[in-house]
Amino acid sequence: AGLVALGLLAAARRSASLALLPLSAAAVVAGYVLFAVRYPSTDGDTIKGTYLLMALPAAAVSAAFLVEALRPHRRAWAIAGIAALCALVAIQLPFLVL
């Protein structure tokens, strides 16, 4: 959602610097699809992790942009949003610590 929002903002402002982040993520996805089509894997073991590492900075900045853009201005909603983000991290923690 953050990448889409940054792409739309870049198109509205006609800013090449804002468009660089969504375009780099799109290039990573296109590179992965091209590699997966060109060199198919019969055992299901692909190199998705390598491509995801290259897309991680774009995803992190885009997620931060989205959180900042959707940040509520009332204190109660801000605390609820922070609690929801903390709950999501707590749910994902067992998967992060392998």
N, C-alpha and C. Protein backbone atom coordinates (compact mmCIF):
# COMPACT_ATOMS: atom_id res chain seq x y z
N ALA A 1 0.83 -1.19 0.00
CA ALA A 1 0.00 0.00 0.00
C ALA A 1 0.87 1.25 0.00
N GLY A 2 1.99 1.19 0.73
CA GLY A 2 2.89 2.34 0.77
C GLY A 2 3.54 2.60 -0.57
N LEU A 3 3.90 1.52 -1.29
CA LEU A 3 4.49 1.70 -2.62
C LEU A 3 3.48 2.30 -3.59
N VAL A 4 2.23 1.86 -3.50
CA VAL A 4 1.19 2.42 -4.36
C VAL A 4 0.97 3.89 -4.02
N ALA A 5 0.92 4.21 -2.73
CA ALA A 5 0.72 5.60 -2.32
C ALA A 5 1.88 6.48 -2.78
N LEU A 6 3.11 5.98 -2.65
CA LEU A 6 4.25 6.77 -3.13
C LEU A 6 4.23 6.92 -4.64
N GLY A 7 3.82 5.88 -5.35
CA GLY A 7 3.70 5.98 -6.80
C GLY A 7 2.67 6.99 -7.23
N LEU A 8 1.52 7.00 -6.56
CA LEU A 8 0.48 7.97 -6.89
C LEU A 8 0.91 9.39 -6.54
N LEU A 9 1.60 9.55 -5.42
CA LEU A 9 2.10 10.86 -5.04
C LEU A 9 3.15 11.36 -6.03
N ALA A 10 4.02 10.46 -6.47
CA ALA A 10 5.04 10.83 -7.45
C ALA A 10 4.40 11.23 -8.77
N ALA A 11 3.35 10.53 -9.18
CA ALA A 11 2.66 10.88 -10.42
C ALA A 11 1.94 12.22 -10.29
N ALA A 12 1.34 12.46 -9.14
CA ALA A 12 0.61 13.72 -8.94
C ALA A 12 1.56 14.91 -8.91
N ARG A 13 2.71 14.73 -8.28
CA ARG A 13 3.68 15.83 -8.18
C ARG A 13 4.67 15.86 -9.34
N ARG A 14 4.62 14.82 -10.19
CA ARG A 14 5.57 14.68 -11.29
C ARG A 14 7.01 14.76 -10.78
N SER A 15 7.26 13.97 -9.74
CA SER A 15 8.56 13.98 -9.08
C SER A 15 9.30 12.69 -9.39
N ALA A 16 10.44 12.83 -10.03
CA ALA A 16 11.25 11.65 -10.36
C ALA A 16 11.88 11.06 -9.10
N SER A 17 12.20 11.90 -8.13
CA SER A 17 12.83 11.39 -6.91
C SER A 17 11.85 10.55 -6.08
N LEU A 18 10.58 10.92 -6.06
CA LEU A 18 9.59 10.11 -5.36
C LEU A 18 9.27 8.83 -6.11
N ALA A 19 9.38 8.87 -7.42
CA ALA A 19 9.06 7.69 -8.23
C ALA A 19 10.16 6.65 -8.18
N LEU A 20 11.35 7.03 -7.74
CA LEU A 20 12.48 6.11 -7.73
C LEU A 20 12.23 4.90 -6.83
N LEU A 21 11.64 5.10 -5.68
CA LEU A 21 11.41 4.00 -4.74
C LEU A 21 10.41 2.98 -5.27
N PRO A 22 9.22 3.38 -5.72
CA PRO A 22 8.31 2.38 -6.28
C PRO A 22 8.84 1.72 -7.54
N LEU A 23 9.57 2.47 -8.35
CA LEU A 23 10.12 1.89 -9.57
C LEU A 23 11.22 0.88 -9.26
N SER A 24 12.00 1.13 -8.21
CA SER A 24 13.03 0.15 -7.85
C SER A 24 12.40 -1.14 -7.34
N ALA A 25 11.32 -1.03 -6.58
CA ALA A 25 10.62 -2.23 -6.12
C ALA A 25 10.00 -2.98 -7.30
N ALA A 26 9.46 -2.24 -8.26
CA ALA A 26 8.89 -2.88 -9.44
C ALA A 26 9.98 -3.57 -10.27
N ALA A 27 11.16 -2.98 -10.31
CA ALA A 27 12.27 -3.60 -11.04
C ALA A 27 12.71 -4.89 -10.37
N VAL A 28 12.71 -4.93 -9.05
CA VAL A 28 13.06 -6.16 -8.33
C VAL A 28 12.04 -7.25 -8.63
N VAL A 29 10.76 -6.91 -8.60
CA VAL A 29 9.71 -7.89 -8.90
C VAL A 29 9.83 -8.37 -10.34
N ALA A 30 10.08 -7.46 -11.26
CA ALA A 30 10.23 -7.85 -12.67
C ALA A 30 11.44 -8.74 -12.86
N GLY A 31 12.53 -8.45 -12.15
CA GLY A 31 13.72 -9.30 -12.24
C GLY A 31 13.47 -10.69 -11.71
N TYR A 32 12.73 -10.79 -10.62
CA TYR A 32 12.41 -12.10 -10.06
C TYR A 32 11.52 -12.89 -11.01
N VAL A 33 10.50 -12.24 -11.56
CA VAL A 33 9.60 -12.94 -12.49
C VAL A 33 10.37 -13.40 -13.72
N LEU A 34 11.23 -12.55 -14.25
CA LEU A 34 12.03 -12.92 -15.41
C LEU A 34 12.93 -14.11 -15.11
N PHE A 35 13.57 -14.10 -13.94
CA PHE A 35 14.43 -15.21 -13.58
C PHE A 35 13.62 -16.50 -13.38
N ALA A 36 12.46 -16.38 -12.72
CA ALA A 36 11.64 -17.57 -12.47
C ALA A 36 11.10 -18.17 -13.76
N VAL A 37 10.80 -17.33 -14.75
CA VAL A 37 10.31 -17.84 -16.03
C VAL A 37 11.45 -18.41 -16.86
N ARG A 38 12.59 -17.74 -16.82
CA ARG A 38 13.72 -18.18 -17.65
C ARG A 38 14.37 -19.45 -17.12
N TYR A 39 14.46 -19.58 -15.80
CA TYR A 39 15.07 -20.74 -15.17
C TYR A 39 14.07 -21.39 -14.21
N PRO A 40 13.11 -22.14 -14.73
CA PRO A 40 12.10 -22.74 -13.85
C PRO A 40 12.71 -23.79 -12.93
N SER A 41 12.15 -23.87 -11.74
CA SER A 41 12.61 -24.84 -10.75
C SER A 41 11.55 -25.92 -10.61
N THR A 42 11.97 -27.16 -10.78
CA THR A 42 11.01 -28.25 -10.69
C THR A 42 10.74 -28.70 -9.27
N ASP A 43 11.66 -28.41 -8.34
CA ASP A 43 11.48 -28.87 -6.96
C ASP A 43 10.83 -27.81 -6.07
N GLY A 44 10.50 -26.65 -6.61
CA GLY A 44 9.84 -25.62 -5.83
C GLY A 44 10.79 -24.75 -5.04
N ASP A 45 12.08 -25.01 -5.10
CA ASP A 45 13.07 -24.23 -4.37
C ASP A 45 13.54 -23.08 -5.26
N THR A 46 13.06 -21.89 -4.97
CA THR A 46 13.45 -20.73 -5.75
C THR A 46 14.33 -19.81 -4.90
N ILE A 47 14.76 -18.74 -5.48
CA ILE A 47 15.64 -17.82 -4.76
C ILE A 47 14.87 -16.57 -4.33
N LYS A 48 13.66 -16.74 -3.86
CA LYS A 48 12.83 -15.61 -3.47
C LYS A 48 13.50 -14.76 -2.39
N GLY A 49 14.18 -15.38 -1.46
CA GLY A 49 14.81 -14.64 -0.37
C GLY A 49 15.82 -13.63 -0.85
N THR A 50 16.57 -13.97 -1.86
CA THR A 50 17.56 -13.04 -2.41
C THR A 50 16.89 -11.81 -2.99
N TYR A 51 15.82 -12.00 -3.71
CA TYR A 51 15.12 -10.87 -4.29
C TYR A 51 14.38 -10.06 -3.22
N LEU A 52 13.86 -10.73 -2.21
CA LEU A 52 13.18 -10.01 -1.14
C LEU A 52 14.14 -9.12 -0.37
N LEU A 53 15.38 -9.55 -0.22
CA LEU A 53 16.36 -8.71 0.46
C LEU A 53 16.62 -7.42 -0.31
N MET A 54 16.60 -7.49 -1.63
CA MET A 54 16.80 -6.27 -2.42
C MET A 54 15.59 -5.34 -2.35
N ALA A 55 14.42 -5.88 -2.13
CA ALA A 55 13.20 -5.06 -2.06
C ALA A 55 12.93 -4.56 -0.65
N LEU A 56 13.66 -5.05 0.34
CA LEU A 56 13.39 -4.68 1.73
C LEU A 56 13.54 -3.19 2.02
N PRO A 57 14.57 -2.49 1.56
CA PRO A 57 14.63 -1.05 1.84
C PRO A 57 13.44 -0.28 1.27
N ALA A 58 13.02 -0.62 0.06
CA ALA A 58 11.87 0.06 -0.52
C ALA A 58 10.61 -0.23 0.28
N ALA A 59 10.45 -1.46 0.73
CA ALA A 59 9.28 -1.82 1.52
C ALA A 59 9.28 -1.12 2.87
N ALA A 60 10.45 -1.02 3.50
CA ALA A 60 10.53 -0.37 4.81
C ALA A 60 10.22 1.12 4.73
N VAL A 61 10.78 1.80 3.75
CA VAL A 61 10.51 3.23 3.60
C VAL A 61 9.06 3.46 3.22
N SER A 62 8.51 2.61 2.37
CA SER A 62 7.11 2.76 1.97
C SER A 62 6.17 2.51 3.14
N ALA A 63 6.49 1.52 3.96
CA ALA A 63 5.65 1.26 5.14
C ALA A 63 5.72 2.43 6.12
N ALA A 64 6.89 3.00 6.30
CA ALA A 64 7.02 4.16 7.18
C ALA A 64 6.24 5.35 6.62
N PHE A 65 6.27 5.53 5.31
CA PHE A 65 5.50 6.61 4.68
C PHE A 65 4.00 6.41 4.92
N LEU A 66 3.55 5.18 4.78
CA LEU A 66 2.13 4.88 4.96
C LEU A 66 1.70 5.08 6.41
N VAL A 67 2.52 4.63 7.34
CA VAL A 67 2.19 4.82 8.76
C VAL A 67 2.14 6.30 9.10
N GLU A 68 3.08 7.08 8.58
CA GLU A 68 3.08 8.52 8.84
C GLU A 68 1.88 9.21 8.19
N ALA A 69 1.53 8.78 6.99
CA ALA A 69 0.40 9.41 6.30
C ALA A 69 -0.93 9.08 6.98
N LEU A 70 -1.04 7.89 7.54
CA LEU A 70 -2.29 7.48 8.18
C LEU A 70 -2.32 7.74 9.68
N ARG A 71 -1.29 8.39 10.18
CA ARG A 71 -1.20 8.64 11.62
C ARG A 71 -2.33 9.56 12.07
N PRO A 72 -3.11 9.09 13.02
CA PRO A 72 -4.22 9.93 13.51
C PRO A 72 -3.69 11.07 14.38
N HIS A 73 -4.43 12.16 14.39
CA HIS A 73 -4.00 13.33 15.15
C HIS A 73 -4.54 13.35 16.58
N ARG A 74 -5.52 12.51 16.86
CA ARG A 74 -6.03 12.43 18.22
C ARG A 74 -5.22 11.42 19.01
N ARG A 75 -4.99 11.72 20.25
CA ARG A 75 -4.12 10.90 21.09
C ARG A 75 -4.65 9.48 21.28
N ALA A 76 -5.94 9.32 21.48
CA ALA A 76 -6.52 7.99 21.71
C ALA A 76 -6.35 7.10 20.48
N TRP A 77 -6.57 7.66 19.29
CA TRP A 77 -6.40 6.87 18.06
C TRP A 77 -4.93 6.55 17.81
N ALA A 78 -4.06 7.48 18.17
CA ALA A 78 -2.63 7.22 18.00
C ALA A 78 -2.17 6.08 18.90
N ILE A 79 -2.66 6.06 20.14
CA ILE A 79 -2.30 4.98 21.06
C ILE A 79 -2.87 3.66 20.57
N ALA A 80 -4.09 3.67 20.04
CA ALA A 80 -4.68 2.45 19.49
C ALA A 80 -3.88 1.95 18.28
N GLY A 81 -3.42 2.86 17.44
CA GLY A 81 -2.60 2.47 16.29
C GLY A 81 -1.27 1.87 16.71
N ILE A 82 -0.63 2.47 17.71
CA ILE A 82 0.63 1.94 18.22
C ILE A 82 0.41 0.57 18.84
N ALA A 83 -0.68 0.41 19.57
CA ALA A 83 -0.99 -0.89 20.17
C ALA A 83 -1.23 -1.95 19.09
N ALA A 84 -1.90 -1.58 18.01
CA ALA A 84 -2.14 -2.53 16.92
C ALA A 84 -0.83 -2.93 16.25
N LEU A 85 0.07 -1.98 16.03
CA LEU A 85 1.37 -2.30 15.44
C LEU A 85 2.19 -3.19 16.37
N CYS A 86 2.14 -2.92 17.67
CA CYS A 86 2.85 -3.78 18.63
C CYS A 86 2.27 -5.19 18.66
N ALA A 87 0.96 -5.30 18.53
CA ALA A 87 0.33 -6.62 18.49
C ALA A 87 0.76 -7.38 17.24
N LEU A 88 0.86 -6.69 16.11
CA LEU A 88 1.33 -7.35 14.89
C LEU A 88 2.77 -7.83 15.03
N VAL A 89 3.61 -7.04 15.66
CA VAL A 89 5.00 -7.45 15.89
C VAL A 89 5.04 -8.65 16.83
N ALA A 90 4.22 -8.63 17.87
CA ALA A 90 4.20 -9.75 18.82
C ALA A 90 3.74 -11.04 18.15
N ILE A 91 2.78 -10.94 17.24
CA ILE A 91 2.30 -12.12 16.53
C ILE A 91 3.39 -12.67 15.62
N GLN A 92 4.15 -11.81 14.97
CA GLN A 92 5.18 -12.24 14.03
C GLN A 92 6.50 -12.60 14.71
N LEU A 93 6.66 -12.32 15.96
CA LEU A 93 7.92 -12.57 16.65
C LEU A 93 8.38 -14.01 16.61
N PRO A 94 7.52 -15.01 16.79
CA PRO A 94 8.01 -16.40 16.68
C PRO A 94 8.58 -16.74 15.29
N PHE A 95 8.08 -16.09 14.27
CA PHE A 95 8.59 -16.34 12.91
C PHE A 95 9.90 -15.62 12.66
N LEU A 96 10.12 -14.51 13.37
CA LEU A 96 11.35 -13.75 13.20
C LEU A 96 12.52 -14.39 13.92
N VAL A 97 12.24 -15.06 15.02
CA VAL A 97 13.28 -15.68 15.82
C VAL A 97 13.30 -17.17 15.49
N LEU A 98 14.03 -17.53 14.48
CA LEU A 98 14.10 -18.94 14.07
C LEU A 98 15.45 -19.52 14.36
